[in-house]
Amino acid sequence: MFFGSTARIAVVAALFFSAACVDMQPLPTRTGKPEVMFKGKGIKKKMIVDKAAYYLISEGYKIERVDDYAAVFIKHGTTWRYVNNQSVEEARDERVTLNLLDSAEGINVVGTVETVNYPGGRGPVVEDDSKFGERAQWLFNLLWRVDGDLTGNADKGMAGR
């Protein structure tokens, strides 16, 4: 009887973990990261950065730096963790980087989403969330929305790309 319930728990746990991994697929791009090719005539890097900044600022991000090849946005925050049975608040940032690359086809934008933790006063610990999960999908969708806004086709989705 005990073995039977343990086996059932193992089966349920296996199903749970396999279901949790289902949406951990890489994005359907060459790099596996949020990546969109902006092909519209007359679209400039500044237009892409300005439109992306509009959406990111509305979600609490601030512009950290912008140059000809990259735009970096950051959102400062905190997180809680337990140390020696005490709850400790630590700084935690979310950083979005848009790498803007000229090509013969247009402007290729490859995004990176990172979580930066500052545990216990040590140096930053950076986690790259760009290839899997909802943060990567969020940035991919944001880039598609920017592309749709700049080309005048806000309903454009994955079809036709």
N, C-alpha and C. Protein backbone atom coordinates (compact mmCIF):
# COMPACT_ATOMS: atom_id res chain seq x y z
N MET A 1 0.83 -1.20 0.00
CA MET A 1 0.00 0.00 0.00
C MET A 1 0.86 1.26 0.00
N PHE A 2 1.92 1.27 0.84
CA PHE A 2 2.79 2.45 0.90
C PHE A 2 3.52 2.66 -0.43
N PHE A 3 4.04 1.55 -0.99
CA PHE A 3 4.75 1.65 -2.26
C PHE A 3 3.84 2.17 -3.36
N GLY A 4 2.58 1.74 -3.33
CA GLY A 4 1.64 2.19 -4.35
C GLY A 4 1.41 3.69 -4.29
N SER A 5 1.28 4.26 -3.10
CA SER A 5 1.08 5.70 -3.00
C SER A 5 2.34 6.47 -3.37
N THR A 6 3.50 5.93 -3.07
CA THR A 6 4.76 6.57 -3.45
C THR A 6 4.89 6.58 -4.97
N ALA A 7 4.53 5.47 -5.59
CA ALA A 7 4.61 5.38 -7.04
C ALA A 7 3.64 6.38 -7.68
N ARG A 8 2.46 6.51 -7.10
CA ARG A 8 1.49 7.48 -7.63
C ARG A 8 2.02 8.91 -7.51
N ILE A 9 2.64 9.22 -6.38
CA ILE A 9 3.20 10.55 -6.19
C ILE A 9 4.30 10.80 -7.22
N ALA A 10 5.13 9.79 -7.48
CA ALA A 10 6.20 9.94 -8.46
C ALA A 10 5.63 10.19 -9.85
N VAL A 11 4.56 9.49 -10.21
CA VAL A 11 3.93 9.68 -11.52
C VAL A 11 3.35 11.08 -11.63
N VAL A 12 2.66 11.54 -10.58
CA VAL A 12 2.07 12.88 -10.59
C VAL A 12 3.18 13.93 -10.69
N ALA A 13 4.27 13.75 -9.95
CA ALA A 13 5.39 14.70 -10.00
C ALA A 13 6.01 14.72 -11.39
N ALA A 14 6.17 13.55 -12.01
CA ALA A 14 6.75 13.49 -13.35
C ALA A 14 5.85 14.21 -14.36
N LEU A 15 4.55 14.00 -14.25
CA LEU A 15 3.61 14.68 -15.14
C LEU A 15 3.66 16.19 -14.93
N PHE A 16 3.73 16.62 -13.68
CA PHE A 16 3.78 18.05 -13.38
C PHE A 16 5.02 18.68 -13.99
N PHE A 17 6.19 18.07 -13.76
CA PHE A 17 7.43 18.65 -14.26
C PHE A 17 7.51 18.60 -15.79
N SER A 18 6.97 17.54 -16.40
CA SER A 18 7.00 17.49 -17.86
C SER A 18 6.04 18.52 -18.45
N ALA A 19 4.92 18.78 -17.79
CA ALA A 19 3.99 19.81 -18.27
C ALA A 19 4.60 21.19 -18.10
N ALA A 20 5.36 21.39 -17.04
CA ALA A 20 5.99 22.69 -16.81
C ALA A 20 7.06 22.97 -17.86
N CYS A 21 7.67 21.94 -18.40
CA CYS A 21 8.73 22.12 -19.40
C CYS A 21 8.19 22.30 -20.81
N VAL A 22 6.91 22.08 -21.01
CA VAL A 22 6.34 22.16 -22.36
C VAL A 22 6.54 23.54 -22.95
N ASP A 23 6.32 24.62 -22.19
CA ASP A 23 6.48 25.94 -22.79
C ASP A 23 7.88 26.49 -22.58
N MET A 24 8.84 25.64 -22.33
CA MET A 24 10.22 26.05 -22.22
C MET A 24 10.96 25.79 -23.53
N GLN A 25 10.26 25.92 -24.66
CA GLN A 25 10.86 25.75 -25.97
C GLN A 25 11.57 27.03 -26.38
N PRO A 26 12.69 26.91 -27.11
CA PRO A 26 13.33 28.12 -27.60
C PRO A 26 12.43 28.84 -28.59
N LEU A 27 12.64 30.12 -28.75
CA LEU A 27 11.84 30.90 -29.69
C LEU A 27 12.17 30.49 -31.12
N PRO A 28 11.21 30.67 -32.04
CA PRO A 28 11.41 30.25 -33.43
C PRO A 28 12.24 31.24 -34.24
N THR A 29 13.45 31.52 -33.79
CA THR A 29 14.33 32.46 -34.47
C THR A 29 15.68 31.79 -34.71
N ARG A 30 16.53 32.42 -35.50
CA ARG A 30 17.85 31.85 -35.77
C ARG A 30 18.68 31.69 -34.51
N THR A 31 18.58 32.64 -33.60
CA THR A 31 19.39 32.61 -32.38
C THR A 31 18.67 31.93 -31.22
N GLY A 32 17.37 31.73 -31.34
CA GLY A 32 16.59 31.22 -30.22
C GLY A 32 16.19 32.31 -29.25
N LYS A 33 16.68 33.53 -29.48
CA LYS A 33 16.36 34.69 -28.65
C LYS A 33 15.30 35.53 -29.35
N PRO A 34 14.71 36.50 -28.65
CA PRO A 34 13.78 37.42 -29.31
C PRO A 34 14.51 38.14 -30.45
N GLU A 35 14.05 37.92 -31.68
CA GLU A 35 14.74 38.47 -32.84
C GLU A 35 13.71 38.78 -33.93
N VAL A 36 13.76 40.00 -34.45
CA VAL A 36 12.85 40.42 -35.51
C VAL A 36 13.64 41.21 -36.54
N MET A 37 13.38 40.91 -37.82
CA MET A 37 13.99 41.65 -38.92
C MET A 37 13.00 42.74 -39.35
N PHE A 38 13.41 43.99 -39.23
CA PHE A 38 12.59 45.13 -39.63
C PHE A 38 12.90 45.43 -41.09
N LYS A 39 11.94 45.10 -41.98
CA LYS A 39 12.17 45.20 -43.42
C LYS A 39 11.48 46.39 -44.06
N GLY A 40 10.69 47.14 -43.32
CA GLY A 40 9.95 48.25 -43.91
C GLY A 40 10.85 49.32 -44.50
N LYS A 41 10.44 49.83 -45.65
CA LYS A 41 11.23 50.89 -46.30
C LYS A 41 11.22 52.14 -45.42
N GLY A 42 12.37 52.75 -45.29
CA GLY A 42 12.47 53.98 -44.53
C GLY A 42 12.56 53.81 -43.03
N ILE A 43 12.53 52.58 -42.52
CA ILE A 43 12.64 52.37 -41.07
C ILE A 43 14.09 52.55 -40.66
N LYS A 44 14.30 53.39 -39.67
CA LYS A 44 15.64 53.68 -39.15
C LYS A 44 15.78 53.12 -37.74
N LYS A 45 17.03 52.91 -37.32
CA LYS A 45 17.28 52.39 -35.97
C LYS A 45 16.65 53.26 -34.91
N LYS A 46 16.75 54.57 -35.06
CA LYS A 46 16.17 55.49 -34.07
C LYS A 46 14.67 55.29 -33.94
N MET A 47 13.99 55.02 -35.04
CA MET A 47 12.54 54.80 -34.99
C MET A 47 12.22 53.53 -34.19
N ILE A 48 13.02 52.49 -34.38
CA ILE A 48 12.82 51.23 -33.64
C ILE A 48 13.04 51.47 -32.15
N VAL A 49 14.14 52.13 -31.81
CA VAL A 49 14.46 52.39 -30.40
C VAL A 49 13.40 53.28 -29.76
N ASP A 50 12.96 54.32 -30.47
CA ASP A 50 11.95 55.22 -29.91
C ASP A 50 10.64 54.48 -29.62
N LYS A 51 10.19 53.64 -30.55
CA LYS A 51 8.93 52.92 -30.36
C LYS A 51 9.07 51.87 -29.24
N ALA A 52 10.20 51.15 -29.22
CA ALA A 52 10.43 50.17 -28.15
C ALA A 52 10.52 50.87 -26.80
N ALA A 53 11.18 52.04 -26.76
CA ALA A 53 11.29 52.80 -25.51
C ALA A 53 9.92 53.20 -25.00
N TYR A 54 9.04 53.58 -25.90
CA TYR A 54 7.68 53.95 -25.50
C TYR A 54 7.02 52.80 -24.74
N TYR A 55 7.09 51.60 -25.30
CA TYR A 55 6.47 50.44 -24.64
C TYR A 55 7.19 50.07 -23.35
N LEU A 56 8.52 50.08 -23.36
CA LEU A 56 9.27 49.68 -22.17
C LEU A 56 9.12 50.68 -21.03
N ILE A 57 9.12 51.97 -21.34
CA ILE A 57 8.93 52.99 -20.30
C ILE A 57 7.55 52.86 -19.69
N SER A 58 6.55 52.53 -20.50
CA SER A 58 5.20 52.37 -19.95
C SER A 58 5.11 51.17 -19.01
N GLU A 59 6.10 50.26 -19.07
CA GLU A 59 6.14 49.11 -18.17
C GLU A 59 7.13 49.29 -17.02
N GLY A 60 7.63 50.52 -16.84
CA GLY A 60 8.48 50.81 -15.69
C GLY A 60 9.97 50.78 -15.95
N TYR A 61 10.40 50.56 -17.18
CA TYR A 61 11.82 50.57 -17.51
C TYR A 61 12.32 51.99 -17.71
N LYS A 62 13.62 52.17 -17.54
CA LYS A 62 14.28 53.44 -17.82
C LYS A 62 15.38 53.19 -18.84
N ILE A 63 15.67 54.22 -19.63
CA ILE A 63 16.75 54.09 -20.60
C ILE A 63 18.07 54.18 -19.85
N GLU A 64 18.92 53.16 -20.01
CA GLU A 64 20.24 53.17 -19.39
C GLU A 64 21.28 53.74 -20.35
N ARG A 65 21.26 53.27 -21.60
CA ARG A 65 22.14 53.84 -22.61
C ARG A 65 21.66 53.46 -24.00
N VAL A 66 22.00 54.29 -24.98
CA VAL A 66 21.67 54.05 -26.37
C VAL A 66 22.86 54.47 -27.21
N ASP A 67 23.25 53.61 -28.17
CA ASP A 67 24.25 54.00 -29.15
C ASP A 67 23.82 53.45 -30.50
N ASP A 68 24.69 53.48 -31.48
CA ASP A 68 24.32 53.06 -32.83
C ASP A 68 23.99 51.57 -32.94
N TYR A 69 24.47 50.77 -32.01
CA TYR A 69 24.31 49.33 -32.12
C TYR A 69 23.46 48.69 -31.03
N ALA A 70 23.16 49.41 -29.96
CA ALA A 70 22.41 48.80 -28.86
C ALA A 70 21.64 49.85 -28.07
N ALA A 71 20.53 49.40 -27.52
CA ALA A 71 19.75 50.20 -26.57
C ALA A 71 19.53 49.33 -25.34
N VAL A 72 19.85 49.88 -24.17
CA VAL A 72 19.75 49.13 -22.92
C VAL A 72 18.74 49.83 -22.02
N PHE A 73 17.79 49.04 -21.50
CA PHE A 73 16.75 49.54 -20.61
C PHE A 73 16.84 48.75 -19.32
N ILE A 74 16.52 49.42 -18.20
CA ILE A 74 16.61 48.75 -16.90
C ILE A 74 15.41 49.11 -16.04
N LYS A 75 14.96 48.13 -15.27
CA LYS A 75 13.89 48.36 -14.29
C LYS A 75 14.42 47.90 -12.94
N HIS A 76 14.53 48.85 -12.00
CA HIS A 76 15.04 48.54 -10.67
C HIS A 76 13.91 47.98 -9.81
N GLY A 77 14.26 47.02 -9.00
CA GLY A 77 13.28 46.43 -8.10
C GLY A 77 13.97 45.72 -6.95
N THR A 78 13.20 44.98 -6.20
CA THR A 78 13.74 44.21 -5.08
C THR A 78 13.11 42.83 -5.08
N THR A 79 13.75 41.94 -4.37
CA THR A 79 13.23 40.60 -4.16
C THR A 79 13.53 40.20 -2.73
N TRP A 80 12.85 39.19 -2.25
CA TRP A 80 13.05 38.71 -0.88
C TRP A 80 13.64 37.31 -0.93
N ARG A 81 14.54 37.02 -0.02
CA ARG A 81 15.04 35.66 0.15
C ARG A 81 15.29 35.42 1.63
N TYR A 82 15.38 34.16 1.99
CA TYR A 82 15.57 33.79 3.38
C TYR A 82 17.03 33.46 3.64
N VAL A 83 17.59 34.09 4.69
CA VAL A 83 18.97 33.85 5.11
C VAL A 83 18.93 33.64 6.62
N ASN A 84 19.39 32.49 7.08
CA ASN A 84 19.41 32.18 8.52
C ASN A 84 18.05 32.40 9.15
N ASN A 85 17.01 31.89 8.51
CA ASN A 85 15.62 31.98 8.98
C ASN A 85 15.11 33.42 9.08
N GLN A 86 15.72 34.33 8.37
CA GLN A 86 15.24 35.71 8.33
C GLN A 86 14.99 36.11 6.89
N SER A 87 13.98 36.91 6.71
CA SER A 87 13.66 37.42 5.38
C SER A 87 14.53 38.65 5.11
N VAL A 88 15.23 38.61 3.96
CA VAL A 88 16.16 39.69 3.61
C VAL A 88 15.74 40.25 2.25
N GLU A 89 15.63 41.58 2.18
CA GLU A 89 15.29 42.23 0.92
C GLU A 89 16.58 42.56 0.18
N GLU A 90 16.60 42.21 -1.13
CA GLU A 90 17.78 42.46 -1.94
C GLU A 90 17.41 43.17 -3.23
N ALA A 91 18.35 43.92 -3.75
CA ALA A 91 18.12 44.61 -5.03
C ALA A 91 18.08 43.58 -6.15
N ARG A 92 17.18 43.85 -7.09
CA ARG A 92 17.05 42.97 -8.26
C ARG A 92 16.60 43.83 -9.43
N ASP A 93 17.34 43.77 -10.50
CA ASP A 93 17.01 44.56 -11.68
C ASP A 93 16.63 43.65 -12.84
N GLU A 94 15.82 44.19 -13.72
CA GLU A 94 15.53 43.53 -14.98
C GLU A 94 16.13 44.41 -16.06
N ARG A 95 16.92 43.78 -16.95
CA ARG A 95 17.60 44.54 -18.00
C ARG A 95 17.21 43.98 -19.36
N VAL A 96 16.83 44.88 -20.27
CA VAL A 96 16.50 44.53 -21.64
C VAL A 96 17.51 45.22 -22.55
N THR A 97 18.14 44.44 -23.42
CA THR A 97 19.08 45.00 -24.39
C THR A 97 18.57 44.68 -25.79
N LEU A 98 18.50 45.70 -26.63
CA LEU A 98 18.14 45.52 -28.02
C LEU A 98 19.40 45.77 -28.85
N ASN A 99 19.90 44.74 -29.51
CA ASN A 99 21.06 44.85 -30.38
C ASN A 99 20.56 45.11 -31.79
N LEU A 100 20.99 46.22 -32.40
CA LEU A 100 20.49 46.66 -33.69
C LEU A 100 21.57 46.45 -34.75
N LEU A 101 21.31 45.55 -35.68
CA LEU A 101 22.32 45.16 -36.66
C LEU A 101 21.81 45.42 -38.08
N ASP A 102 22.58 46.20 -38.84
CA ASP A 102 22.23 46.44 -40.24
C ASP A 102 22.52 45.20 -41.06
N SER A 103 21.63 44.91 -42.01
CA SER A 103 21.87 43.81 -42.95
C SER A 103 21.29 44.22 -44.29
N ALA A 104 21.55 43.43 -45.31
CA ALA A 104 21.03 43.72 -46.65
C ALA A 104 19.50 43.66 -46.67
N GLU A 105 18.91 42.89 -45.77
CA GLU A 105 17.46 42.73 -45.73
C GLU A 105 16.74 43.83 -44.95
N GLY A 106 17.45 44.49 -44.05
CA GLY A 106 16.83 45.51 -43.21
C GLY A 106 17.64 45.68 -41.94
N ILE A 107 16.93 45.91 -40.84
CA ILE A 107 17.58 46.06 -39.54
C ILE A 107 17.15 44.87 -38.68
N ASN A 108 18.13 44.06 -38.30
CA ASN A 108 17.85 42.90 -37.46
C ASN A 108 18.01 43.31 -36.00
N VAL A 109 16.98 43.08 -35.20
CA VAL A 109 17.03 43.41 -33.78
C VAL A 109 17.00 42.10 -33.00
N VAL A 110 18.06 41.88 -32.23
CA VAL A 110 18.15 40.70 -31.37
C VAL A 110 18.09 41.20 -29.93
N GLY A 111 17.10 40.71 -29.19
CA GLY A 111 16.90 41.16 -27.82
C GLY A 111 17.46 40.21 -26.79
N THR A 112 17.80 40.77 -25.65
CA THR A 112 18.25 40.00 -24.50
C THR A 112 17.47 40.47 -23.28
N VAL A 113 16.98 39.53 -22.49
CA VAL A 113 16.29 39.83 -21.25
C VAL A 113 17.11 39.20 -20.13
N GLU A 114 17.51 40.01 -19.17
CA GLU A 114 18.33 39.50 -18.07
C GLU A 114 17.76 39.93 -16.73
N THR A 115 17.94 39.07 -15.74
CA THR A 115 17.65 39.40 -14.36
C THR A 115 18.99 39.56 -13.66
N VAL A 116 19.17 40.68 -12.97
CA VAL A 116 20.42 40.96 -12.28
C VAL A 116 20.13 41.00 -10.79
N ASN A 117 20.69 40.04 -10.06
CA ASN A 117 20.52 39.98 -8.61
C ASN A 117 21.79 40.45 -7.93
N TYR A 118 21.62 41.03 -6.75
CA TYR A 118 22.75 41.51 -5.95
C TYR A 118 22.68 40.83 -4.58
N PRO A 119 23.05 39.55 -4.51
CA PRO A 119 22.88 38.81 -3.25
C PRO A 119 23.89 39.18 -2.18
N GLY A 120 23.39 39.63 -1.05
CA GLY A 120 24.22 39.87 0.13
C GLY A 120 25.39 40.79 -0.07
N GLY A 121 25.26 41.80 -0.90
CA GLY A 121 26.33 42.76 -1.08
C GLY A 121 27.45 42.28 -1.99
N ARG A 122 27.36 41.04 -2.48
CA ARG A 122 28.38 40.57 -3.43
C ARG A 122 28.12 41.20 -4.78
N GLY A 123 28.99 40.92 -5.72
CA GLY A 123 28.83 41.44 -7.08
C GLY A 123 27.56 40.91 -7.72
N PRO A 124 27.16 41.51 -8.83
CA PRO A 124 25.92 41.12 -9.48
C PRO A 124 25.97 39.69 -10.04
N VAL A 125 24.84 39.01 -9.95
CA VAL A 125 24.66 37.70 -10.55
C VAL A 125 23.64 37.87 -11.66
N VAL A 126 24.05 37.61 -12.91
CA VAL A 126 23.20 37.86 -14.07
C VAL A 126 22.65 36.54 -14.59
N GLU A 127 21.33 36.50 -14.77
CA GLU A 127 20.65 35.34 -15.34
C GLU A 127 20.07 35.75 -16.68
N ASP A 128 20.43 35.04 -17.73
CA ASP A 128 19.93 35.33 -19.08
C ASP A 128 18.62 34.58 -19.28
N ASP A 129 17.53 35.34 -19.43
CA ASP A 129 16.20 34.76 -19.62
C ASP A 129 15.76 34.86 -21.09
N SER A 130 16.71 34.97 -22.01
CA SER A 130 16.40 35.32 -23.40
C SER A 130 15.95 34.16 -24.27
N LYS A 131 16.23 32.95 -23.91
CA LYS A 131 15.91 31.84 -24.81
C LYS A 131 14.68 31.05 -24.42
N PHE A 132 14.28 31.11 -23.17
CA PHE A 132 13.17 30.28 -22.73
C PHE A 132 12.23 31.09 -21.83
N GLY A 133 11.00 30.66 -21.78
CA GLY A 133 10.08 31.20 -20.79
C GLY A 133 9.31 32.43 -21.22
N GLU A 134 8.53 32.91 -20.28
CA GLU A 134 7.60 34.00 -20.60
C GLU A 134 8.28 35.34 -20.80
N ARG A 135 9.43 35.59 -20.16
CA ARG A 135 10.13 36.87 -20.37
C ARG A 135 10.65 36.96 -21.81
N ALA A 136 11.20 35.86 -22.32
CA ALA A 136 11.67 35.84 -23.71
C ALA A 136 10.50 36.04 -24.67
N GLN A 137 9.40 35.36 -24.41
CA GLN A 137 8.22 35.50 -25.27
C GLN A 137 7.66 36.92 -25.19
N TRP A 138 7.69 37.52 -24.00
CA TRP A 138 7.22 38.90 -23.82
C TRP A 138 8.01 39.86 -24.70
N LEU A 139 9.36 39.72 -24.69
CA LEU A 139 10.18 40.63 -25.49
C LEU A 139 9.98 40.36 -26.98
N PHE A 140 9.86 39.11 -27.36
CA PHE A 140 9.59 38.76 -28.76
C PHE A 140 8.29 39.42 -29.22
N ASN A 141 7.24 39.33 -28.40
CA ASN A 141 5.95 39.95 -28.75
C ASN A 141 6.07 41.47 -28.82
N LEU A 142 6.86 42.06 -27.92
CA LEU A 142 7.06 43.51 -27.94
C LEU A 142 7.74 43.94 -29.25
N LEU A 143 8.74 43.20 -29.69
CA LEU A 143 9.42 43.53 -30.94
C LEU A 143 8.47 43.38 -32.14
N TRP A 144 7.61 42.37 -32.11
CA TRP A 144 6.61 42.21 -33.18
C TRP A 144 5.64 43.39 -33.19
N ARG A 145 5.25 43.84 -32.00
CA ARG A 145 4.34 44.99 -31.91
C ARG A 145 5.01 46.25 -32.48
N VAL A 146 6.29 46.44 -32.16
CA VAL A 146 7.03 47.58 -32.70
C VAL A 146 7.09 47.48 -34.23
N ASP A 147 7.40 46.32 -34.75
CA ASP A 147 7.46 46.12 -36.20
C ASP A 147 6.10 46.41 -36.83
N GLY A 148 5.05 45.91 -36.21
CA GLY A 148 3.71 46.17 -36.74
C GLY A 148 3.36 47.65 -36.73
N ASP A 149 3.74 48.34 -35.66
CA ASP A 149 3.48 49.79 -35.58
C ASP A 149 4.23 50.56 -36.67
N LEU A 150 5.48 50.18 -36.90
CA LEU A 150 6.30 50.92 -37.87
C LEU A 150 5.95 50.60 -39.31
N THR A 151 5.41 49.43 -39.56
CA THR A 151 5.02 49.08 -40.93
C THR A 151 3.56 49.34 -41.20
N GLY A 152 2.83 49.77 -40.16
CA GLY A 152 1.41 50.06 -40.34
C GLY A 152 0.53 48.83 -40.33
N ASN A 153 1.06 47.70 -39.89
CA ASN A 153 0.30 46.47 -39.85
C ASN A 153 0.31 45.91 -38.43
N ALA A 154 -0.48 46.52 -37.57
CA ALA A 154 -0.50 46.15 -36.15
C ALA A 154 -1.04 44.75 -35.93
N ASP A 155 -1.75 44.17 -36.88
CA ASP A 155 -2.30 42.82 -36.72
C ASP A 155 -1.34 41.74 -37.15
N LYS A 156 -0.16 42.14 -37.64
CA LYS A 156 0.79 41.17 -38.15
C LYS A 156 1.25 40.26 -37.01
N GLY A 157 1.33 38.99 -37.31
CA GLY A 157 1.81 38.02 -36.31
C GLY A 157 2.87 37.16 -36.93
N MET A 158 3.02 35.96 -36.43
CA MET A 158 4.04 35.04 -36.93
C MET A 158 3.80 34.64 -38.38
N ALA A 159 2.53 34.56 -38.80
CA ALA A 159 2.24 34.15 -40.18
C ALA A 159 2.84 35.14 -41.16
N GLY A 160 3.39 34.65 -42.20
CA GLY A 160 3.93 35.50 -43.25
C GLY A 160 5.35 35.94 -43.02
N ARG A 161 5.99 35.48 -41.95
CA ARG A 161 7.39 35.85 -41.69
C ARG A 161 8.29 34.69 -41.98
